Amino acid sequence: MNTNDDIFSINERGSGTLPINIRQKISVRHFVCKIEKGNRIVLEPLQTREEFYAELEAAEKDWEKNGGITLEEFAKKYDV
């Protein structure tokens, strides 16, 4: 362990909290968790904020081009 390393603690329920100095460097809230060789835990971003906004903008352009239905219309159509 290096002096620059942070400790990631997990409680009895399996929940953990990223140390503050790591949270301040990361712009994502959801991760894919993998266990690699041995007990090495790897967290990878599910989707960055930039990827989310790019996907949202593409969806908005598609909506403008192809149209769609509102949430109210959806609820009425599918009896939700």
C-alpha atoms as a PDB file:
ATOM      1  CA  MET A   1       0.000   0.000   0.000  1.00  0.00           C
ATOM      2  CA  ASN A   2       1.347   3.428  -0.973  1.00  0.00           C
ATOM      3  CA  THR A   3       1.031   6.516   1.188  1.00  0.00           C
ATOM      4  CA  ASN A   4      -1.171   8.022  -1.560  1.00  0.00           C
ATOM      5  CA  ASP A   5      -3.607   5.084  -1.436  1.00  0.00           C
ATOM      6  CA  ASP A   6      -7.055   5.462   0.099  1.00  0.00           C
ATOM      7  CA  ILE A   7      -8.918   2.879   2.128  1.00  0.00           C
ATOM      8  CA  PHE A   8     -12.341   1.826   0.861  1.00  0.00           C
ATOM      9  CA  SER A   9     -14.357   0.311   3.693  1.00  0.00           C
ATOM     10  CA  ILE A  10     -17.405  -1.901   3.230  1.00  0.00           C
ATOM     11  CA  ASN A  11     -20.008  -2.296   5.973  1.00  0.00           C
ATOM     12  CA  GLU A  12     -21.783  -5.522   6.969  1.00  0.00           C
ATOM     13  CA  ARG A  13     -24.487  -4.955   4.350  1.00  0.00           C
ATOM     14  CA  GLY A  14     -21.907  -4.628   1.576  1.00  0.00           C
ATOM     15  CA  SER A  15     -22.278  -0.878   1.103  1.00  0.00           C
ATOM     16  CA  GLY A  16     -19.229   1.303   0.792  1.00  0.00           C
ATOM     17  CA  THR A  17     -18.325   4.949   0.453  1.00  0.00           C
ATOM     18  CA  LEU A  18     -15.623   6.287  -1.817  1.00  0.00           C
ATOM     19  CA  PRO A  19     -13.149   8.520   0.011  1.00  0.00           C
ATOM     20  CA  ILE A  20     -13.852  12.236  -0.533  1.00  0.00           C
ATOM     21  CA  ASN A  21     -10.684  12.960  -2.504  1.00  0.00           C
ATOM     22  CA  ILE A  22     -11.621  10.217  -4.991  1.00  0.00           C
ATOM     23  CA  ARG A  23     -15.276  11.363  -5.239  1.00  0.00           C
ATOM     24  CA  GLN A  24     -14.098  14.873  -6.109  1.00  0.00           C
ATOM     25  CA  LYS A  25     -12.143  13.521  -9.100  1.00  0.00           C
ATOM     26  CA  ILE A  26     -14.942  11.379 -10.553  1.00  0.00           C
ATOM     27  CA  SER A  27     -17.924  12.749 -12.471  1.00  0.00           C
ATOM     28  CA  VAL A  28     -20.001   9.548 -12.421  1.00  0.00           C
ATOM     29  CA  ARG A  29     -22.316   8.018  -9.851  1.00  0.00           C
ATOM     30  CA  HIS A  30     -22.832   4.494 -11.198  1.00  0.00           C
ATOM     31  CA  PHE A  31     -20.130   1.904 -11.728  1.00  0.00           C
ATOM     32  CA  VAL A  32     -19.712  -1.596 -13.064  1.00  0.00           C
ATOM     33  CA  CYS A  33     -17.915  -3.640 -10.402  1.00  0.00           C
ATOM     34  CA  LYS A  34     -15.645  -6.512 -11.461  1.00  0.00           C
ATOM     35  CA  ILE A  35     -13.401  -8.871  -9.571  1.00  0.00           C
ATOM     36  CA  GLU A  36     -10.250  -9.664 -11.499  1.00  0.00           C
ATOM     37  CA  LYS A  37      -7.462 -12.139 -10.757  1.00  0.00           C
ATOM     38  CA  GLY A  38      -7.335 -12.817  -7.074  1.00  0.00           C
ATOM     39  CA  ASN A  39      -9.332 -10.332  -5.048  1.00  0.00           C
ATOM     40  CA  ARG A  40      -8.654  -7.263  -7.185  1.00  0.00           C
ATOM     41  CA  ILE A  41     -11.827  -5.148  -7.344  1.00  0.00           C
ATOM     42  CA  VAL A  42     -12.197  -2.888 -10.380  1.00  0.00           C
ATOM     43  CA  LEU A  43     -14.806  -0.129 -10.677  1.00  0.00           C
ATOM     44  CA  GLU A  44     -15.506   1.197 -14.168  1.00  0.00           C
ATOM     45  CA  PRO A  45     -17.945   4.008 -14.949  1.00  0.00           C
ATOM     46  CA  LEU A  46     -21.264   2.756 -16.267  1.00  0.00           C
ATOM     47  CA  GLN A  47     -21.637   5.965 -18.248  1.00  0.00           C
ATOM     48  CA  THR A  48     -19.908   9.304 -17.885  1.00  0.00           C
ATOM     49  CA  ARG A  49     -21.904  12.489 -17.555  1.00  0.00           C
ATOM     50  CA  GLU A  50     -20.651  13.555 -20.984  1.00  0.00           C
ATOM     51  CA  GLU A  51     -21.848  10.279 -22.543  1.00  0.00           C
ATOM     52  CA  PHE A  52     -25.239  10.704 -20.869  1.00  0.00           C
ATOM     53  CA  TYR A  53     -25.645  14.244 -22.227  1.00  0.00           C
ATOM     54  CA  ALA A  54     -24.531  13.159 -25.712  1.00  0.00           C
ATOM     55  CA  GLU A  55     -27.137  10.369 -25.632  1.00  0.00           C
ATOM     56  CA  LEU A  56     -29.780  12.795 -24.373  1.00  0.00           C
ATOM     57  CA  GLU A  57     -29.010  15.304 -27.148  1.00  0.00           C
ATOM     58  CA  ALA A  58     -29.224  12.539 -29.773  1.00  0.00           C
ATOM     59  CA  ALA A  59     -32.611  11.473 -28.365  1.00  0.00           C
ATOM     60  CA  GLU A  60     -33.874  15.078 -28.452  1.00  0.00           C
ATOM     61  CA  LYS A  61     -32.798  15.433 -32.098  1.00  0.00           C
ATOM     62  CA  ASP A  62     -34.539  12.151 -32.918  1.00  0.00           C
ATOM     63  CA  TRP A  63     -37.672  13.420 -31.152  1.00  0.00           C
ATOM     64  CA  GLU A  64     -37.606  16.646 -33.170  1.00  0.00           C
ATOM     65  CA  LYS A  65     -37.091  14.732 -36.426  1.00  0.00           C
ATOM     66  CA  ASN A  66     -39.410  11.758 -35.905  1.00  0.00           C
ATOM     67  CA  GLY A  67     -41.817  12.981 -33.254  1.00  0.00           C
ATOM     68  CA  GLY A  68     -43.143  10.943 -30.386  1.00  0.00           C
ATOM     69  CA  ILE A  69     -45.696  11.024 -27.599  1.00  0.00           C
ATOM     70  CA  THR A  70     -45.744  12.872 -24.305  1.00  0.00           C
ATOM     71  CA  LEU A  71     -45.728  11.142 -20.920  1.00  0.00           C
ATOM     72  CA  GLU A  72     -49.423  11.912 -20.556  1.00  0.00           C
ATOM     73  CA  GLU A  73     -50.175  10.347 -23.955  1.00  0.00           C
ATOM     74  CA  PHE A  74     -48.044   7.326 -23.035  1.00  0.00           C
ATOM     75  CA  ALA A  75     -49.871   6.862 -19.731  1.00  0.00           C
ATOM     76  CA  LYS A  76     -53.246   7.097 -21.450  1.00  0.00           C
ATOM     77  CA  LYS A  77     -52.243   4.807 -24.337  1.00  0.00           C
ATOM     78  CA  TYR A  78     -50.827   2.074 -22.090  1.00  0.00           C
ATOM     79  CA  ASP A  79     -53.208   2.607 -19.162  1.00  0.00           C
ATOM     80  CA  VAL A  80     -50.418   3.364 -16.715  1.00  0.00           C
END
